[in-house]
Amino acid sequence: QVQLEESGGGWVQPGGSLSLSCRASLPISTIYQVGWYRQAVLGPQRALVASVTDRDGTEYADSAKGRFAISRDNAENTVNLQMNGLKPKDTSVYLCGGQMNYTKGIKYYWGQGIQVTVSS
């Protein structure tokens, strides 16, 4: 069982920056992949924003490339998402998701989500 807790959301004006942090209940180095996702307004769909693997391989949504940066901090046991140049369309609930690879299969864990609002 892995618990993930997000922090750092809030309100910012267009063009501003926010940093999100996801803290895990296990050493972050033991989680294969940790990502940040946007929750759909309607329905349970989640869209990947950025992810990082245990070997520091990263992946970004096209909308995040050049503006967002994801990183793992093993000492703090967190995965952080630095968001710069924020736009109103970035407004969403952001969730932290972790993928664990067990011998019996893959399991995903999710945080509760945190609101990010970009508006003037």
N, C-alpha and C. Protein backbone atom coordinates (compact mmCIF):
# COMPACT_ATOMS: atom_id res chain seq x y z
N GLN A 1 0.84 -1.19 0.00
CA GLN A 1 0.00 0.00 0.00
C GLN A 1 0.88 1.24 0.00
N VAL A 2 0.56 2.16 -0.89
CA VAL A 2 1.31 3.41 -0.99
C VAL A 2 0.33 4.56 -0.83
N GLN A 3 0.66 5.50 0.00
CA GLN A 3 -0.15 6.71 0.15
C GLN A 3 0.61 7.88 -0.45
N LEU A 4 -0.12 8.68 -1.21
CA LEU A 4 0.47 9.83 -1.87
C LEU A 4 -0.29 11.08 -1.42
N GLU A 5 0.44 12.12 -1.11
CA GLU A 5 -0.18 13.35 -0.63
C GLU A 5 0.38 14.53 -1.41
N GLU A 6 -0.55 15.28 -2.03
CA GLU A 6 -0.16 16.43 -2.82
C GLU A 6 -0.17 17.71 -1.98
N SER A 7 0.67 18.64 -2.37
CA SER A 7 0.66 19.96 -1.76
C SER A 7 1.16 20.98 -2.78
N GLY A 8 0.86 22.25 -2.50
CA GLY A 8 1.42 23.32 -3.31
C GLY A 8 0.49 23.96 -4.31
N GLY A 9 -0.74 23.49 -4.41
CA GLY A 9 -1.66 24.10 -5.36
C GLY A 9 -2.12 25.47 -4.91
N GLY A 10 -3.05 26.02 -5.68
CA GLY A 10 -3.59 27.32 -5.33
C GLY A 10 -3.96 28.13 -6.55
N TRP A 11 -4.00 29.44 -6.35
CA TRP A 11 -4.38 30.35 -7.42
C TRP A 11 -3.18 31.16 -7.87
N VAL A 12 -3.11 31.39 -9.17
CA VAL A 12 -2.03 32.19 -9.72
C VAL A 12 -2.54 32.91 -10.95
N GLN A 13 -2.00 34.05 -11.25
CA GLN A 13 -2.39 34.79 -12.45
C GLN A 13 -1.72 34.18 -13.68
N PRO A 14 -2.31 34.38 -14.85
CA PRO A 14 -1.67 33.89 -16.08
C PRO A 14 -0.24 34.37 -16.20
N GLY A 15 0.63 33.45 -16.61
CA GLY A 15 2.05 33.75 -16.70
C GLY A 15 2.83 33.46 -15.44
N GLY A 16 2.13 33.16 -14.37
CA GLY A 16 2.78 32.90 -13.09
C GLY A 16 3.28 31.46 -12.97
N SER A 17 3.80 31.15 -11.79
CA SER A 17 4.40 29.84 -11.53
C SER A 17 3.83 29.23 -10.25
N LEU A 18 3.78 27.92 -10.25
CA LEU A 18 3.43 27.16 -9.04
C LEU A 18 4.30 25.92 -9.00
N SER A 19 4.56 25.44 -7.80
CA SER A 19 5.29 24.20 -7.63
C SER A 19 4.43 23.23 -6.84
N LEU A 20 4.19 22.06 -7.41
CA LEU A 20 3.43 21.01 -6.74
C LEU A 20 4.39 19.96 -6.20
N SER A 21 4.02 19.41 -5.07
CA SER A 21 4.85 18.38 -4.45
C SER A 21 3.99 17.18 -4.10
N CYS A 22 4.51 16.00 -4.35
CA CYS A 22 3.83 14.74 -4.03
C CYS A 22 4.73 13.96 -3.08
N ARG A 23 4.23 13.76 -1.89
CA ARG A 23 5.00 13.01 -0.89
C ARG A 23 4.45 11.60 -0.77
N ALA A 24 5.35 10.60 -0.77
CA ALA A 24 4.94 9.20 -0.70
C ALA A 24 5.18 8.62 0.69
N SER A 25 4.38 7.62 1.03
CA SER A 25 4.52 6.96 2.33
C SER A 25 5.64 5.93 2.33
N LEU A 26 6.15 5.62 1.13
CA LEU A 26 7.29 4.72 0.99
C LEU A 26 8.44 5.51 0.38
N PRO A 27 9.65 5.03 0.49
CA PRO A 27 10.76 5.71 -0.21
C PRO A 27 10.42 5.88 -1.68
N ILE A 28 10.56 7.08 -2.16
CA ILE A 28 10.15 7.39 -3.53
C ILE A 28 10.94 6.57 -4.53
N SER A 29 12.13 6.16 -4.14
CA SER A 29 12.98 5.37 -5.04
C SER A 29 12.43 3.97 -5.29
N THR A 30 11.49 3.53 -4.45
CA THR A 30 10.92 2.19 -4.61
C THR A 30 9.71 2.19 -5.54
N ILE A 31 9.24 3.36 -5.92
CA ILE A 31 8.07 3.48 -6.79
C ILE A 31 8.57 3.60 -8.22
N TYR A 32 8.11 2.71 -9.09
CA TYR A 32 8.64 2.66 -10.46
C TYR A 32 8.43 3.99 -11.18
N GLN A 33 7.22 4.49 -11.15
CA GLN A 33 6.93 5.72 -11.88
C GLN A 33 5.95 6.55 -11.08
N VAL A 34 6.21 7.84 -11.01
CA VAL A 34 5.31 8.78 -10.35
C VAL A 34 4.98 9.87 -11.35
N GLY A 35 3.72 10.18 -11.45
CA GLY A 35 3.30 11.18 -12.42
C GLY A 35 2.30 12.16 -11.85
N TRP A 36 2.15 13.26 -12.54
CA TRP A 36 1.12 14.24 -12.25
C TRP A 36 0.10 14.20 -13.38
N TYR A 37 -1.17 14.21 -12.98
CA TYR A 37 -2.27 14.06 -13.93
C TYR A 37 -3.29 15.17 -13.69
N ARG A 38 -4.02 15.50 -14.75
CA ARG A 38 -5.16 16.41 -14.61
C ARG A 38 -6.43 15.60 -14.61
N GLN A 39 -7.30 15.95 -13.68
CA GLN A 39 -8.59 15.28 -13.59
C GLN A 39 -9.56 15.94 -14.56
N ALA A 40 -10.28 15.15 -15.32
CA ALA A 40 -11.29 15.69 -16.23
C ALA A 40 -12.40 16.35 -15.43
N VAL A 41 -12.99 17.41 -16.01
CA VAL A 41 -14.08 18.10 -15.32
C VAL A 41 -15.28 17.18 -15.17
N LEU A 42 -15.56 16.43 -16.22
CA LEU A 42 -16.67 15.47 -16.18
C LEU A 42 -16.10 14.07 -16.35
N GLY A 43 -16.41 13.19 -15.44
CA GLY A 43 -15.97 11.82 -15.56
C GLY A 43 -14.67 11.55 -14.84
N PRO A 44 -14.27 10.29 -14.82
CA PRO A 44 -13.10 9.87 -14.05
C PRO A 44 -11.77 9.96 -14.81
N GLN A 45 -11.81 10.44 -16.07
CA GLN A 45 -10.60 10.41 -16.87
C GLN A 45 -9.51 11.29 -16.27
N ARG A 46 -8.30 10.80 -16.43
CA ARG A 46 -7.13 11.54 -15.98
C ARG A 46 -6.15 11.62 -17.13
N ALA A 47 -5.61 12.80 -17.34
CA ALA A 47 -4.67 13.02 -18.44
C ALA A 47 -3.29 13.27 -17.86
N LEU A 48 -2.31 12.57 -18.40
CA LEU A 48 -0.95 12.73 -17.93
C LEU A 48 -0.44 14.13 -18.23
N VAL A 49 0.18 14.74 -17.23
CA VAL A 49 0.86 16.02 -17.41
C VAL A 49 2.36 15.77 -17.53
N ALA A 50 2.91 15.01 -16.59
CA ALA A 50 4.33 14.68 -16.61
C ALA A 50 4.56 13.50 -15.69
N SER A 51 5.58 12.70 -16.00
CA SER A 51 5.92 11.57 -15.15
C SER A 51 7.43 11.38 -15.12
N VAL A 52 7.87 10.70 -14.06
CA VAL A 52 9.29 10.40 -13.93
C VAL A 52 9.44 8.98 -13.39
N THR A 53 10.37 8.23 -13.92
CA THR A 53 10.59 6.86 -13.48
C THR A 53 11.68 6.80 -12.42
N ASP A 54 11.88 5.61 -11.89
CA ASP A 54 12.91 5.42 -10.86
C ASP A 54 14.32 5.60 -11.43
N ARG A 55 14.44 5.62 -12.74
CA ARG A 55 15.73 5.89 -13.37
C ARG A 55 15.78 7.28 -13.98
N ASP A 56 14.84 8.13 -13.53
CA ASP A 56 14.78 9.53 -13.93
C ASP A 56 14.43 9.73 -15.40
N GLY A 57 13.78 8.73 -15.99
CA GLY A 57 13.22 8.94 -17.31
C GLY A 57 11.96 9.78 -17.20
N THR A 58 11.82 10.79 -18.04
CA THR A 58 10.68 11.69 -17.93
C THR A 58 9.82 11.65 -19.19
N GLU A 59 8.55 12.00 -18.99
CA GLU A 59 7.62 12.10 -20.10
C GLU A 59 6.72 13.29 -19.82
N TYR A 60 6.40 14.05 -20.86
CA TYR A 60 5.57 15.24 -20.71
C TYR A 60 4.45 15.25 -21.75
N ALA A 61 3.30 15.76 -21.34
CA ALA A 61 2.26 16.06 -22.31
C ALA A 61 2.75 17.20 -23.19
N ASP A 62 2.28 17.23 -24.43
CA ASP A 62 2.71 18.29 -25.34
C ASP A 62 2.46 19.67 -24.75
N SER A 63 1.35 19.80 -24.03
CA SER A 63 0.99 21.11 -23.47
C SER A 63 1.92 21.54 -22.35
N ALA A 64 2.67 20.58 -21.78
CA ALA A 64 3.56 20.88 -20.66
C ALA A 64 5.01 21.09 -21.09
N LYS A 65 5.36 20.62 -22.26
CA LYS A 65 6.75 20.71 -22.71
C LYS A 65 7.21 22.17 -22.79
N GLY A 66 8.39 22.40 -22.23
CA GLY A 66 8.95 23.75 -22.26
C GLY A 66 8.47 24.65 -21.14
N ARG A 67 7.42 24.24 -20.43
CA ARG A 67 6.88 25.08 -19.35
C ARG A 67 6.98 24.39 -17.99
N PHE A 68 6.82 23.07 -17.97
CA PHE A 68 6.80 22.32 -16.71
C PHE A 68 8.04 21.46 -16.61
N ALA A 69 8.46 21.19 -15.37
CA ALA A 69 9.58 20.30 -15.13
C ALA A 69 9.27 19.42 -13.93
N ILE A 70 9.44 18.11 -14.13
CA ILE A 70 9.19 17.15 -13.06
C ILE A 70 10.52 16.61 -12.55
N SER A 71 10.58 16.36 -11.25
CA SER A 71 11.82 15.85 -10.67
C SER A 71 11.53 15.03 -9.43
N ARG A 72 12.41 14.10 -9.15
CA ARG A 72 12.33 13.28 -7.93
C ARG A 72 13.34 13.81 -6.93
N ASP A 73 12.95 13.85 -5.66
CA ASP A 73 13.85 14.21 -4.57
C ASP A 73 13.85 13.05 -3.60
N ASN A 74 14.83 12.16 -3.73
CA ASN A 74 14.85 10.97 -2.88
C ASN A 74 15.07 11.34 -1.41
N ALA A 75 15.81 12.39 -1.15
CA ALA A 75 16.07 12.79 0.24
C ALA A 75 14.80 13.26 0.93
N GLU A 76 13.95 13.99 0.17
CA GLU A 76 12.69 14.48 0.74
C GLU A 76 11.53 13.53 0.51
N ASN A 77 11.79 12.48 -0.27
CA ASN A 77 10.74 11.49 -0.58
C ASN A 77 9.58 12.12 -1.35
N THR A 78 9.91 12.99 -2.28
CA THR A 78 8.87 13.69 -3.03
C THR A 78 9.15 13.65 -4.53
N VAL A 79 8.08 13.85 -5.28
CA VAL A 79 8.18 14.15 -6.70
C VAL A 79 7.56 15.52 -6.91
N ASN A 80 8.30 16.40 -7.52
CA ASN A 80 7.88 17.79 -7.63
C ASN A 80 7.62 18.17 -9.08
N LEU A 81 6.63 19.03 -9.25
CA LEU A 81 6.30 19.53 -10.58
C LEU A 81 6.39 21.05 -10.54
N GLN A 82 7.36 21.60 -11.22
CA GLN A 82 7.49 23.04 -11.33
C GLN A 82 6.75 23.49 -12.58
N MET A 83 5.80 24.38 -12.39
CA MET A 83 4.97 24.84 -13.50
C MET A 83 5.20 26.33 -13.71
N ASN A 84 5.69 26.67 -14.87
CA ASN A 84 5.96 28.06 -15.22
C ASN A 84 5.09 28.46 -16.41
N GLY A 85 4.92 29.76 -16.59
CA GLY A 85 4.13 30.23 -17.72
C GLY A 85 2.72 29.68 -17.73
N LEU A 86 2.09 29.66 -16.57
CA LEU A 86 0.78 29.03 -16.46
C LEU A 86 -0.27 29.79 -17.26
N LYS A 87 -1.21 29.02 -17.81
CA LYS A 87 -2.29 29.55 -18.63
C LYS A 87 -3.62 29.17 -18.01
N PRO A 88 -4.67 29.93 -18.31
CA PRO A 88 -5.99 29.56 -17.78
C PRO A 88 -6.39 28.12 -18.10
N LYS A 89 -5.98 27.60 -19.25
CA LYS A 89 -6.35 26.23 -19.59
C LYS A 89 -5.62 25.20 -18.74
N ASP A 90 -4.63 25.63 -17.95
CA ASP A 90 -3.97 24.71 -17.00
C ASP A 90 -4.81 24.50 -15.74
N THR A 91 -5.86 25.28 -15.59
CA THR A 91 -6.72 25.14 -14.43
C THR A 91 -7.32 23.75 -14.38
N SER A 92 -7.14 23.09 -13.24
CA SER A 92 -7.64 21.73 -13.09
C SER A 92 -7.35 21.24 -11.68
N VAL A 93 -7.89 20.09 -11.36
CA VAL A 93 -7.44 19.34 -10.20
C VAL A 93 -6.28 18.47 -10.66
N TYR A 94 -5.16 18.58 -9.96
CA TYR A 94 -3.96 17.81 -10.29
C TYR A 94 -3.81 16.67 -9.28
N LEU A 95 -3.62 15.49 -9.82
CA LEU A 95 -3.44 14.32 -8.97
C LEU A 95 -2.05 13.72 -9.15
N CYS A 96 -1.53 13.22 -8.07
CA CYS A 96 -0.28 12.48 -8.10
C CYS A 96 -0.62 11.00 -8.19
N GLY A 97 0.02 10.31 -9.11
CA GLY A 97 -0.23 8.89 -9.29
C GLY A 97 1.09 8.12 -9.28
N GLY A 98 1.09 6.98 -8.63
CA GLY A 98 2.29 6.16 -8.57
C GLY A 98 2.04 4.76 -9.07
N GLN A 99 2.99 4.23 -9.82
CA GLN A 99 2.89 2.86 -10.34
C GLN A 99 3.89 1.99 -9.61
N MET A 100 3.38 0.93 -8.99
CA MET A 100 4.23 -0.05 -8.33
C MET A 100 4.21 -1.33 -9.16
N ASN A 101 5.37 -1.91 -9.37
CA ASN A 101 5.48 -3.17 -10.10
C ASN A 101 5.75 -4.28 -9.10
N TYR A 102 4.74 -5.10 -8.88
CA TYR A 102 4.86 -6.23 -7.98
C TYR A 102 5.06 -7.50 -8.80
N THR A 103 5.50 -8.57 -8.14
CA THR A 103 5.68 -9.83 -8.84
C THR A 103 4.34 -10.34 -9.38
N LYS A 104 3.25 -9.97 -8.72
CA LYS A 104 1.92 -10.42 -9.14
C LYS A 104 1.27 -9.46 -10.12
N GLY A 105 1.92 -8.35 -10.43
CA GLY A 105 1.34 -7.43 -11.38
C GLY A 105 1.58 -5.98 -11.01
N ILE A 106 0.96 -5.09 -11.79
CA ILE A 106 1.11 -3.66 -11.61
C ILE A 106 -0.08 -3.11 -10.84
N LYS A 107 0.21 -2.16 -9.96
CA LYS A 107 -0.87 -1.51 -9.22
C LYS A 107 -0.61 0.00 -9.20
N TYR A 108 -1.70 0.76 -9.32
CA TYR A 108 -1.60 2.22 -9.31
C TYR A 108 -2.19 2.77 -8.02
N TYR A 109 -1.57 3.80 -7.52
CA TYR A 109 -2.04 4.48 -6.33
C TYR A 109 -2.22 5.96 -6.67
N TRP A 110 -3.18 6.59 -6.01
CA TRP A 110 -3.51 7.97 -6.31
C TRP A 110 -3.63 8.80 -5.05
N GLY A 111 -3.23 10.06 -5.18
CA GLY A 111 -3.49 11.01 -4.12
C GLY A 111 -4.90 11.54 -4.22
N GLN A 112 -5.25 12.46 -3.33
CA GLN A 112 -6.61 13.02 -3.29
C GLN A 112 -6.81 14.10 -4.35
N GLY A 113 -5.73 14.69 -4.80
CA GLY A 113 -5.83 15.76 -5.78
C GLY A 113 -5.72 17.12 -5.13
N ILE A 114 -5.28 18.08 -5.94
CA ILE A 114 -5.12 19.44 -5.44
C ILE A 114 -5.50 20.40 -6.55
N GLN A 115 -6.19 21.47 -6.16
CA GLN A 115 -6.71 22.41 -7.15
C GLN A 115 -5.64 23.41 -7.57
N VAL A 116 -5.54 23.61 -8.87
CA VAL A 116 -4.72 24.67 -9.45
C VAL A 116 -5.64 25.55 -10.28
N THR A 117 -5.65 26.83 -9.97
CA THR A 117 -6.50 27.78 -10.68
C THR A 117 -5.64 28.90 -11.26
N VAL A 118 -5.79 29.11 -12.56
CA VAL A 118 -5.04 30.16 -13.25
C VAL A 118 -6.06 31.13 -13.83
N SER A 119 -6.08 32.31 -13.27
CA SER A 119 -7.05 33.31 -13.75
C SER A 119 -6.58 34.70 -13.34
N SER A 120 -7.12 35.68 -14.04
CA SER A 120 -6.80 37.05 -13.70
C SER A 120 -7.93 37.67 -12.89
